[in-house]
PDB file of all heavy atoms in Angstrom:
ATOM      1  N   LEU A   1      26.959  68.527  31.576  1.00  0.00           N
ATOM      2  CA  LEU A   1      25.621  68.918  32.053  1.00  0.00           C
ATOM      3  C   LEU A   1      25.538  70.140  32.989  1.00  0.00           C
ATOM      4  O   LEU A   1      24.455  70.834  33.194  1.00  0.00           O
ATOM      5  CB  LEU A   1      25.016  67.657  32.811  1.00  0.00           C
ATOM      6  CG  LEU A   1      24.639  66.471  31.972  1.00  0.00           C
ATOM      7  CD1 LEU A   1      24.092  65.323  32.911  1.00  0.00           C
ATOM      8  CD2 LEU A   1      23.713  66.708  30.817  1.00  0.00           C
ATOM      9  N   GLU A   2      26.741  70.517  33.351  1.00  0.00           N
ATOM     10  CA  GLU A   2      26.652  71.936  34.006  1.00  0.00           C
ATOM     11  C   GLU A   2      26.280  73.153  33.117  1.00  0.00           C
ATOM     12  O   GLU A   2      25.837  74.075  33.586  1.00  0.00           O
ATOM     13  CB  GLU A   2      28.302  72.146  34.523  1.00  0.00           C
ATOM     14  CG  GLU A   2      28.410  73.442  35.264  1.00  0.00           C
ATOM     15  CD  GLU A   2      29.824  73.645  35.637  1.00  0.00           C
ATOM     16  OE1 GLU A   2      30.693  72.667  35.728  1.00  0.00           O
ATOM     17  OE2 GLU A   2      30.145  74.911  36.099  1.00  0.00           O
ATOM     18  N   TRP A   3      26.435  72.816  31.842  1.00  0.00           N
ATOM     19  CA  TRP A   3      26.140  73.882  30.894  1.00  0.00           C
ATOM     20  C   TRP A   3      24.947  73.607  29.983  1.00  0.00           C
ATOM     21  O   TRP A   3      24.185  74.412  29.578  1.00  0.00           O
ATOM     22  CB  TRP A   3      27.180  74.324  29.932  1.00  0.00           C
ATOM     23  CG  TRP A   3      28.419  74.855  30.640  1.00  0.00           C
ATOM     24  CD1 TRP A   3      28.633  76.221  30.761  1.00  0.00           C
ATOM     25  CD2 TRP A   3      29.572  74.175  31.191  1.00  0.00           C
ATOM     26  NE1 TRP A   3      29.834  76.357  31.423  1.00  0.00           N
ATOM     27  CE2 TRP A   3      30.417  75.233  31.706  1.00  0.00           C
ATOM     28  CE3 TRP A   3      29.894  72.868  31.351  1.00  0.00           C
ATOM     29  CZ2 TRP A   3      31.649  74.904  32.336  1.00  0.00           C
ATOM     30  CZ3 TRP A   3      31.099  72.586  31.996  1.00  0.00           C
ATOM     31  CH2 TRP A   3      31.950  73.612  32.438  1.00  0.00           C
ATOM     32  N   ALA A   4      24.576  72.303  29.869  1.00  0.00           N
ATOM     33  CA  ALA A   4      23.585  71.894  28.890  1.00  0.00           C
ATOM     34  C   ALA A   4      22.569  70.858  29.543  1.00  0.00           C
ATOM     35  O   ALA A   4      22.837  70.263  30.541  1.00  0.00           O
ATOM     36  CB  ALA A   4      24.162  71.176  27.704  1.00  0.00           C
ATOM     37  N   GLY A   5      21.354  70.883  29.001  1.00  0.00           N
ATOM     38  CA  GLY A   5      20.362  69.991  29.609  1.00  0.00           C
ATOM     39  C   GLY A   5      20.523  68.464  29.284  1.00  0.00           C
ATOM     40  O   GLY A   5      20.022  67.628  29.971  1.00  0.00           O
ATOM     41  N   ALA A   6      21.173  68.097  28.108  1.00  0.00           N
ATOM     42  CA  ALA A   6      21.450  66.801  27.816  1.00  0.00           C
ATOM     43  C   ALA A   6      22.782  66.987  26.885  1.00  0.00           C
ATOM     44  O   ALA A   6      22.903  67.838  26.158  1.00  0.00           O
ATOM     45  CB  ALA A   6      20.399  66.183  27.158  1.00  0.00           C
ATOM     46  N   VAL A   7      23.450  65.851  26.730  1.00  0.00           N
ATOM     47  CA  VAL A   7      24.513  65.603  25.867  1.00  0.00           C
ATOM     48  C   VAL A   7      24.619  64.335  25.220  1.00  0.00           C
ATOM     49  O   VAL A   7      24.407  63.383  26.014  1.00  0.00           O
ATOM     50  CB  VAL A   7      25.870  65.877  26.785  1.00  0.00           C
ATOM     51  CG1 VAL A   7      27.289  65.702  25.877  1.00  0.00           C
ATOM     52  CG2 VAL A   7      25.795  67.113  27.425  1.00  0.00           C
ATOM     53  N   SER A   8      24.845  64.281  23.902  1.00  0.00           N
ATOM     54  CA  SER A   8      24.911  63.002  23.165  1.00  0.00           C
ATOM     55  C   SER A   8      26.178  62.867  22.475  1.00  0.00           C
ATOM     56  O   SER A   8      26.822  63.736  21.974  1.00  0.00           O
ATOM     57  CB  SER A   8      23.604  62.816  22.291  1.00  0.00           C
ATOM     58  OG  SER A   8      23.836  63.779  21.339  1.00  0.00           O
ATOM     59  N   ALA A   9      26.777  61.659  22.477  1.00  0.00           N
ATOM     60  CA  ALA A   9      27.882  61.157  21.684  1.00  0.00           C
ATOM     61  C   ALA A   9      27.309  60.075  20.830  1.00  0.00           C
ATOM     62  O   ALA A   9      26.803  59.054  21.237  1.00  0.00           O
ATOM     63  CB  ALA A   9      28.868  60.645  22.691  1.00  0.00           C
ATOM     64  N   SER A  10      27.591  60.328  19.422  1.00  0.00           N
ATOM     65  CA  SER A  10      27.105  59.298  18.506  1.00  0.00           C
ATOM     66  C   SER A  10      28.189  58.334  18.094  1.00  0.00           C
ATOM     67  O   SER A  10      29.401  58.780  18.125  1.00  0.00           O
ATOM     68  CB  SER A  10      26.478  60.123  17.348  1.00  0.00           C
ATOM     69  OG  SER A  10      27.445  60.937  16.810  1.00  0.00           O
ATOM     70  N   GLY A  11      27.836  57.225  17.604  1.00  0.00           N
ATOM     71  CA  GLY A  11      28.798  56.272  17.168  1.00  0.00           C
ATOM     72  C   GLY A  11      28.016  54.912  16.941  1.00  0.00           C
ATOM     73  O   GLY A  11      26.857  54.954  16.529  1.00  0.00           O
ATOM     74  N   ALA A  12      28.872  53.829  16.956  1.00  0.00           N
ATOM     75  CA  ALA A  12      28.118  52.527  16.775  1.00  0.00           C
ATOM     76  C   ALA A  12      26.960  52.372  17.747  1.00  0.00           C
ATOM     77  O   ALA A  12      25.819  51.730  17.307  1.00  0.00           O
ATOM     78  CB  ALA A  12      29.139  51.340  16.907  1.00  0.00           C
ATOM     79  N   VAL A  13      27.131  52.763  18.953  1.00  0.00           N
ATOM     80  CA  VAL A  13      25.988  52.906  19.910  1.00  0.00           C
ATOM     81  C   VAL A  13      25.891  54.273  20.402  1.00  0.00           C
ATOM     82  O   VAL A  13      26.831  54.738  21.056  1.00  0.00           O
ATOM     83  CB  VAL A  13      26.158  51.855  21.162  1.00  0.00           C
ATOM     84  CG1 VAL A  13      24.943  51.903  22.074  1.00  0.00           C
ATOM     85  CG2 VAL A  13      26.287  50.426  20.609  1.00  0.00           C
ATOM     86  N   ASP A  14      24.856  54.950  20.182  1.00  0.00           N
ATOM     87  CA  ASP A  14      24.755  56.410  20.534  1.00  0.00           C
ATOM     88  C   ASP A  14      24.458  56.469  22.106  1.00  0.00           C
ATOM     89  O   ASP A  14      23.601  55.681  22.637  1.00  0.00           O
ATOM     90  CB  ASP A  14      23.592  57.071  19.787  1.00  0.00           C
ATOM     91  CG  ASP A  14      23.749  57.177  18.379  1.00  0.00           C
ATOM     92  OD1 ASP A  14      24.971  56.863  17.974  1.00  0.00           O
ATOM     93  OD2 ASP A  14      22.872  57.500  17.645  1.00  0.00           O
ATOM     94  N   HIS A  15      25.176  57.366  22.853  1.00  0.00           N
ATOM     95  CA  HIS A  15      24.890  57.571  24.138  1.00  0.00           C
ATOM     96  C   HIS A  15      24.294  58.916  24.474  1.00  0.00           C
ATOM     97  O   HIS A  15      24.900  59.900  23.899  1.00  0.00           O
ATOM     98  CB  HIS A  15      26.078  57.352  24.900  1.00  0.00           C
ATOM     99  CG  HIS A  15      26.664  55.994  24.919  1.00  0.00           C
ATOM    100  ND1 HIS A  15      27.005  55.158  23.931  1.00  0.00           N
ATOM    101  CD2 HIS A  15      26.837  55.201  26.266  1.00  0.00           C
ATOM    102  CE1 HIS A  15      27.303  53.934  24.360  1.00  0.00           C
ATOM    103  NE2 HIS A  15      27.257  53.890  25.673  1.00  0.00           N
ATOM    104  N   VAL A  16      23.074  59.020  25.136  1.00  0.00           N
ATOM    105  CA  VAL A  16      22.476  60.222  25.369  1.00  0.00           C
ATOM    106  C   VAL A  16      22.608  60.467  27.046  1.00  0.00           C
ATOM    107  O   VAL A  16      22.040  59.475  27.645  1.00  0.00           O
ATOM    108  CB  VAL A  16      21.126  60.285  24.962  1.00  0.00           C
ATOM    109  CG1 VAL A  16      20.528  61.648  25.440  1.00  0.00           C
ATOM    110  CG2 VAL A  16      21.006  60.210  23.401  1.00  0.00           C
ATOM    111  N   VAL A  17      23.218  61.418  27.486  1.00  0.00           N
ATOM    112  CA  VAL A  17      23.308  61.657  28.904  1.00  0.00           C
ATOM    113  C   VAL A  17      22.523  62.761  29.370  1.00  0.00           C
ATOM    114  O   VAL A  17      22.593  63.866  28.649  1.00  0.00           O
ATOM    115  CB  VAL A  17      24.870  61.823  29.268  1.00  0.00           C
ATOM    116  CG1 VAL A  17      24.935  62.199  30.796  1.00  0.00           C
ATOM    117  CG2 VAL A  17      25.423  60.646  28.923  1.00  0.00           C
ATOM    118  N   SER A  18      21.653  62.718  30.358  1.00  0.00           N
ATOM    119  CA  SER A  18      20.919  63.809  30.938  1.00  0.00           C
ATOM    120  C   SER A  18      20.909  63.678  32.473  1.00  0.00           C
ATOM    121  O   SER A  18      21.416  62.611  32.947  1.00  0.00           O
ATOM    122  CB  SER A  18      19.456  63.704  30.343  1.00  0.00           C
ATOM    123  OG  SER A  18      18.743  62.689  31.002  1.00  0.00           O
ATOM    124  N   PRO A  19      20.274  64.556  33.158  1.00  0.00           N
ATOM    125  CA  PRO A  19      20.173  64.352  34.682  1.00  0.00           C
ATOM    126  C   PRO A  19      19.442  63.105  35.045  1.00  0.00           C
ATOM    127  O   PRO A  19      19.583  62.553  36.201  1.00  0.00           O
ATOM    128  CB  PRO A  19      19.498  65.657  35.114  1.00  0.00           C
ATOM    129  CG  PRO A  19      19.857  66.582  34.089  1.00  0.00           C
ATOM    130  CD  PRO A  19      19.925  65.830  32.786  1.00  0.00           C
ATOM    131  N   ALA A  20      18.651  62.546  34.167  1.00  0.00           N
ATOM    132  CA  ALA A  20      17.849  61.309  34.416  1.00  0.00           C
ATOM    133  C   ALA A  20      18.660  60.118  34.204  1.00  0.00           C
ATOM    134  O   ALA A  20      18.143  58.950  34.653  1.00  0.00           O
ATOM    135  CB  ALA A  20      16.569  61.348  33.639  1.00  0.00           C
ATOM    136  N   GLY A  21      19.841  60.151  33.704  1.00  0.00           N
ATOM    137  CA  GLY A  21      20.669  58.925  33.343  1.00  0.00           C
ATOM    138  C   GLY A  21      21.235  58.845  32.041  1.00  0.00           C
ATOM    139  O   GLY A  21      21.268  60.015  31.339  1.00  0.00           O
ATOM    140  N   THR A  22      21.620  57.682  31.614  1.00  0.00           N
ATOM    141  CA  THR A  22      22.281  57.570  30.402  1.00  0.00           C
ATOM    142  C   THR A  22      21.377  56.502  29.500  1.00  0.00           C
ATOM    143  O   THR A  22      20.933  55.516  29.954  1.00  0.00           O
ATOM    144  CB  THR A  22      23.640  56.829  30.491  1.00  0.00           C
ATOM    145  OG1 THR A  22      24.415  57.745  31.193  1.00  0.00           O
ATOM    146  CG2 THR A  22      24.173  56.633  29.203  1.00  0.00           C
ATOM    147  N   THR A  23      21.111  56.988  28.349  1.00  0.00           N
ATOM    148  CA  THR A  23      20.326  56.229  27.320  1.00  0.00           C
ATOM    149  C   THR A  23      21.258  55.686  26.236  1.00  0.00           C
ATOM    150  O   THR A  23      22.019  56.441  25.609  1.00  0.00           O
ATOM    151  CB  THR A  23      19.165  56.938  26.731  1.00  0.00           C
ATOM    152  OG1 THR A  23      18.284  57.478  27.880  1.00  0.00           O
ATOM    153  CG2 THR A  23      18.323  56.065  25.861  1.00  0.00           C
ATOM    154  N   ARG A  24      21.160  54.382  25.948  1.00  0.00           N
ATOM    155  CA  ARG A  24      22.005  53.800  24.867  1.00  0.00           C
ATOM    156  C   ARG A  24      21.051  53.396  23.693  1.00  0.00           C
ATOM    157  O   ARG A  24      20.146  52.755  23.977  1.00  0.00           O
ATOM    158  CB  ARG A  24      22.849  52.658  25.331  1.00  0.00           C
ATOM    159  CG  ARG A  24      23.961  53.084  26.310  1.00  0.00           C
ATOM    160  CD  ARG A  24      24.662  51.754  26.835  1.00  0.00           C
ATOM    161  NE  ARG A  24      23.724  50.898  27.551  1.00  0.00           N
ATOM    162  CZ  ARG A  24      23.340  51.155  28.925  1.00  0.00           C
ATOM    163  NH1 ARG A  24      23.860  52.041  29.446  1.00  0.00           N
ATOM    164  NH2 ARG A  24      22.514  50.290  29.519  1.00  0.00           N
ATOM    165  N   ILE A  25      21.401  53.813  22.517  1.00  0.00           N
ATOM    166  CA  ILE A  25      20.443  53.633  21.351  1.00  0.00           C
ATOM    167  C   ILE A  25      21.264  52.839  20.293  1.00  0.00           C
ATOM    168  O   ILE A  25      22.302  53.394  19.765  1.00  0.00           O
ATOM    169  CB  ILE A  25      20.156  55.015  20.710  1.00  0.00           C
ATOM    170  CG1 ILE A  25      19.249  55.751  21.704  1.00  0.00           C
ATOM    171  CG2 ILE A  25      19.172  54.711  19.535  1.00  0.00           C
ATOM    172  CD1 ILE A  25      19.380  57.256  21.615  1.00  0.00           C
ATOM    173  N   THR A  26      20.978  51.615  19.956  1.00  0.00           N
ATOM    174  CA  THR A  26      21.549  50.844  19.107  1.00  0.00           C
ATOM    175  C   THR A  26      20.839  50.686  17.757  1.00  0.00           C
ATOM    176  O   THR A  26      19.623  50.829  17.756  1.00  0.00           O
ATOM    177  CB  THR A  26      21.656  49.346  19.679  1.00  0.00           C
ATOM    178  OG1 THR A  26      22.299  49.394  20.907  1.00  0.00           O
ATOM    179  CG2 THR A  26      22.492  48.372  18.807  1.00  0.00           C
ATOM    180  N   GLY A  27      21.612  50.564  16.668  1.00  0.00           N
ATOM    181  CA  GLY A  27      20.899  50.498  15.445  1.00  0.00           C
ATOM    182  C   GLY A  27      21.732  51.268  14.314  1.00  0.00           C
ATOM    183  O   GLY A  27      22.728  51.957  14.632  1.00  0.00           O
ATOM    184  N   GLY A  28      21.076  51.534  13.213  1.00  0.00           N
ATOM    185  CA  GLY A  28      21.544  52.401  12.136  1.00  0.00           C
ATOM    186  C   GLY A  28      22.429  51.596  11.241  1.00  0.00           C
ATOM    187  O   GLY A  28      22.290  50.269  11.233  1.00  0.00           O
ATOM    188  N   SER A  29      23.340  52.198  10.476  1.00  0.00           N
ATOM    189  CA  SER A  29      23.989  51.497   9.433  1.00  0.00           C
ATOM    190  C   SER A  29      25.407  52.202   9.273  1.00  0.00           C
ATOM    191  O   SER A  29      25.616  53.416   9.495  1.00  0.00           O
ATOM    192  CB  SER A  29      23.344  51.524   8.083  1.00  0.00           C
ATOM    193  OG  SER A  29      24.046  51.147   6.992  1.00  0.00           O
ATOM    194  N   VAL A  30      26.399  51.358   9.043  1.00  0.00           N
ATOM    195  CA  VAL A  30      27.732  52.022   8.778  1.00  0.00           C
ATOM    196  C   VAL A  30      27.717  52.979   7.500  1.00  0.00           C
ATOM    197  O   VAL A  30      28.578  53.758   7.365  1.00  0.00           O
ATOM    198  CB  VAL A  30      28.775  50.774   8.475  1.00  0.00           C
ATOM    199  CG1 VAL A  30      28.596  50.145   7.160  1.00  0.00           C
ATOM    200  CG2 VAL A  30      30.180  51.398   8.577  1.00  0.00           C
ATOM    201  N   LEU A  31      26.640  52.716   6.765  1.00  0.00           N
ATOM    202  CA  LEU A  31      26.569  53.646   5.594  1.00  0.00           C
ATOM    203  C   LEU A  31      26.303  55.082   5.963  1.00  0.00           C
ATOM    204  O   LEU A  31      26.571  56.057   5.173  1.00  0.00           O
ATOM    205  CB  LEU A  31      25.461  53.177   4.522  1.00  0.00           C
ATOM    206  CG  LEU A  31      25.852  51.966   3.742  1.00  0.00           C
ATOM    207  CD1 LEU A  31      24.727  51.418   3.029  1.00  0.00           C
ATOM    208  CD2 LEU A  31      26.994  52.231   2.806  1.00  0.00           C
ATOM    209  N   LEU A  32      25.833  55.345   7.197  1.00  0.00           N
ATOM    210  CA  LEU A  32      25.651  56.630   7.656  1.00  0.00           C
ATOM    211  C   LEU A  32      26.970  57.461   7.732  1.00  0.00           C
ATOM    212  O   LEU A  32      27.053  58.633   7.492  1.00  0.00           O
ATOM    213  CB  LEU A  32      25.083  56.743   9.193  1.00  0.00           C
ATOM    214  CG  LEU A  32      23.642  56.458   9.258  1.00  0.00           C
ATOM    215  CD1 LEU A  32      23.275  56.088  10.660  1.00  0.00           C
ATOM    216  CD2 LEU A  32      22.825  57.557   8.744  1.00  0.00           C
ATOM    217  N   THR A  33      28.204  56.647   7.824  1.00  0.00           N
ATOM    218  CA  THR A  33      29.362  57.305   7.979  1.00  0.00           C
ATOM    219  C   THR A  33      29.982  57.448   6.411  1.00  0.00           C
ATOM    220  O   THR A  33      31.153  58.045   6.372  1.00  0.00           O
ATOM    221  CB  THR A  33      30.434  56.407   8.665  1.00  0.00           C
ATOM    222  OG1 THR A  33      30.624  55.181   8.080  1.00  0.00           O
ATOM    223  CG2 THR A  33      29.852  56.133  10.082  1.00  0.00           C
ATOM    224  N   ARG A  34      29.183  57.051   5.462  1.00  0.00           N
ATOM    225  CA  ARG A  34      29.783  57.099   4.095  1.00  0.00           C
ATOM    226  C   ARG A  34      28.946  58.236   3.305  1.00  0.00           C
ATOM    227  O   ARG A  34      29.147  58.455   2.133  1.00  0.00           O
ATOM    228  CB  ARG A  34      29.568  55.832   3.336  1.00  0.00           C
ATOM    229  CG  ARG A  34      30.509  54.714   3.897  1.00  0.00           C
ATOM    230  CD  ARG A  34      31.883  54.892   3.821  1.00  0.00           C
ATOM    231  NE  ARG A  34      32.679  53.883   4.352  1.00  0.00           N
ATOM    232  CZ  ARG A  34      33.321  53.873   5.491  1.00  0.00           C
ATOM    233  NH1 ARG A  34      33.239  54.866   6.330  1.00  0.00           N
ATOM    234  NH2 ARG A  34      33.891  52.788   5.835  1.00  0.00           N
ATOM    235  N   VAL A  35      28.110  59.023   3.984  1.00  0.00           N
ATOM    236  CA  VAL A  35      27.339  60.128   3.332  1.00  0.00           C
ATOM    237  C   VAL A  35      27.643  61.262   4.178  1.00  0.00           C
ATOM    238  O   VAL A  35      27.433  61.493   5.312  1.00  0.00           O
ATOM    239  CB  VAL A  35      25.821  59.754   3.397  1.00  0.00           C
ATOM    240  CG1 VAL A  35      25.005  60.823   2.849  1.00  0.00           C
ATOM    241  CG2 VAL A  35      25.589  58.415   2.580  1.00  0.00           C
ATOM    242  N   THR A  36      28.149  62.370   3.561  1.00  0.00           N
ATOM    243  CA  THR A  36      28.367  63.656   4.109  1.00  0.00           C
ATOM    244  C   THR A  36      27.078  64.224   4.633  1.00  0.00           C
ATOM    245  O   THR A  36      26.171  64.439   3.915  1.00  0.00           O
ATOM    246  CB  THR A  36      29.001  64.507   3.131  1.00  0.00           C
ATOM    247  OG1 THR A  36      30.245  63.961   2.705  1.00  0.00           O
ATOM    248  CG2 THR A  36      29.344  65.927   3.763  1.00  0.00           C
ATOM    249  N   GLY A  37      27.193  64.728   5.847  1.00  0.00           N
ATOM    250  CA  GLY A  37      25.966  65.450   6.508  1.00  0.00           C
ATOM    251  C   GLY A  37      25.230  64.653   7.397  1.00  0.00           C
ATOM    252  O   GLY A  37      24.255  65.196   7.882  1.00  0.00           O
ATOM    253  N   THR A  38      25.340  63.415   7.588  1.00  0.00           N
ATOM    254  CA  THR A  38      24.460  62.668   8.422  1.00  0.00           C
ATOM    255  C   THR A  38      24.537  62.964   9.845  1.00  0.00           C
ATOM    256  O   THR A  38      23.568  63.062  10.735  1.00  0.00           O
ATOM    257  CB  THR A  38      24.540  61.137   8.363  1.00  0.00           C
ATOM    258  OG1 THR A  38      25.955  60.778   8.602  1.00  0.00           O
ATOM    259  CG2 THR A  38      24.292  60.633   6.861  1.00  0.00           C
ATOM    260  N   GLY A  39      25.860  63.337  10.356  1.00  0.00           N
ATOM    261  CA  GLY A  39      25.981  63.689  11.652  1.00  0.00           C
ATOM    262  C   GLY A  39      25.516  65.187  11.919  1.00  0.00           C
ATOM    263  O   GLY A  39      24.877  65.574  12.874  1.00  0.00           O
ATOM    264  N   CYS A  40      25.838  66.131  10.971  1.00  0.00           N
ATOM    265  CA  CYS A  40      25.421  67.484  11.034  1.00  0.00           C
ATOM    266  C   CYS A  40      23.934  67.597  11.073  1.00  0.00           C
ATOM    267  O   CYS A  40      23.341  68.292  11.834  1.00  0.00           O
ATOM    268  CB  CYS A  40      26.030  68.271   9.948  1.00  0.00           C
ATOM    269  SG  CYS A  40      27.707  68.465   9.929  1.00  0.00           S
ATOM    270  N   SER A  41      23.309  66.815  10.241  1.00  0.00           N
ATOM    271  CA  SER A  41      21.893  66.806  10.114  1.00  0.00           C
ATOM    272  C   SER A  41      21.273  66.223  11.347  1.00  0.00           C
ATOM    273  O   SER A  41      20.044  66.707  11.758  1.00  0.00           O
ATOM    274  CB  SER A  41      21.285  66.137   8.798  1.00  0.00           C
ATOM    275  OG  SER A  41      21.716  64.826   8.778  1.00  0.00           O
ATOM    276  N   LEU A  42      21.905  65.369  12.007  1.00  0.00           N
ATOM    277  CA  LEU A  42      21.441  64.830  13.370  1.00  0.00           C
ATOM    278  C   LEU A  42      21.312  66.010  14.286  1.00  0.00           C
ATOM    279  O   LEU A  42      20.365  66.040  15.074  1.00  0.00           O
ATOM    280  CB  LEU A  42      22.315  63.688  13.765  1.00  0.00           C
ATOM    281  CG  LEU A  42      21.972  63.190  15.218  1.00  0.00           C
ATOM    282  CD1 LEU A  42      20.563  62.706  15.414  1.00  0.00           C
ATOM    283  CD2 LEU A  42      22.977  62.052  15.593  1.00  0.00           C
TER     284      LEU A  42
END
């Protein structure tokens, strides 16, 4: 956050970190990991 306004790490539970705190986002499907480009398009 020294360089960016927010930072996110995706996975089984996505975590979004900003100066306001940490947001955890649950959901999605394991099939997202079986299709090329789902992370890049995110």
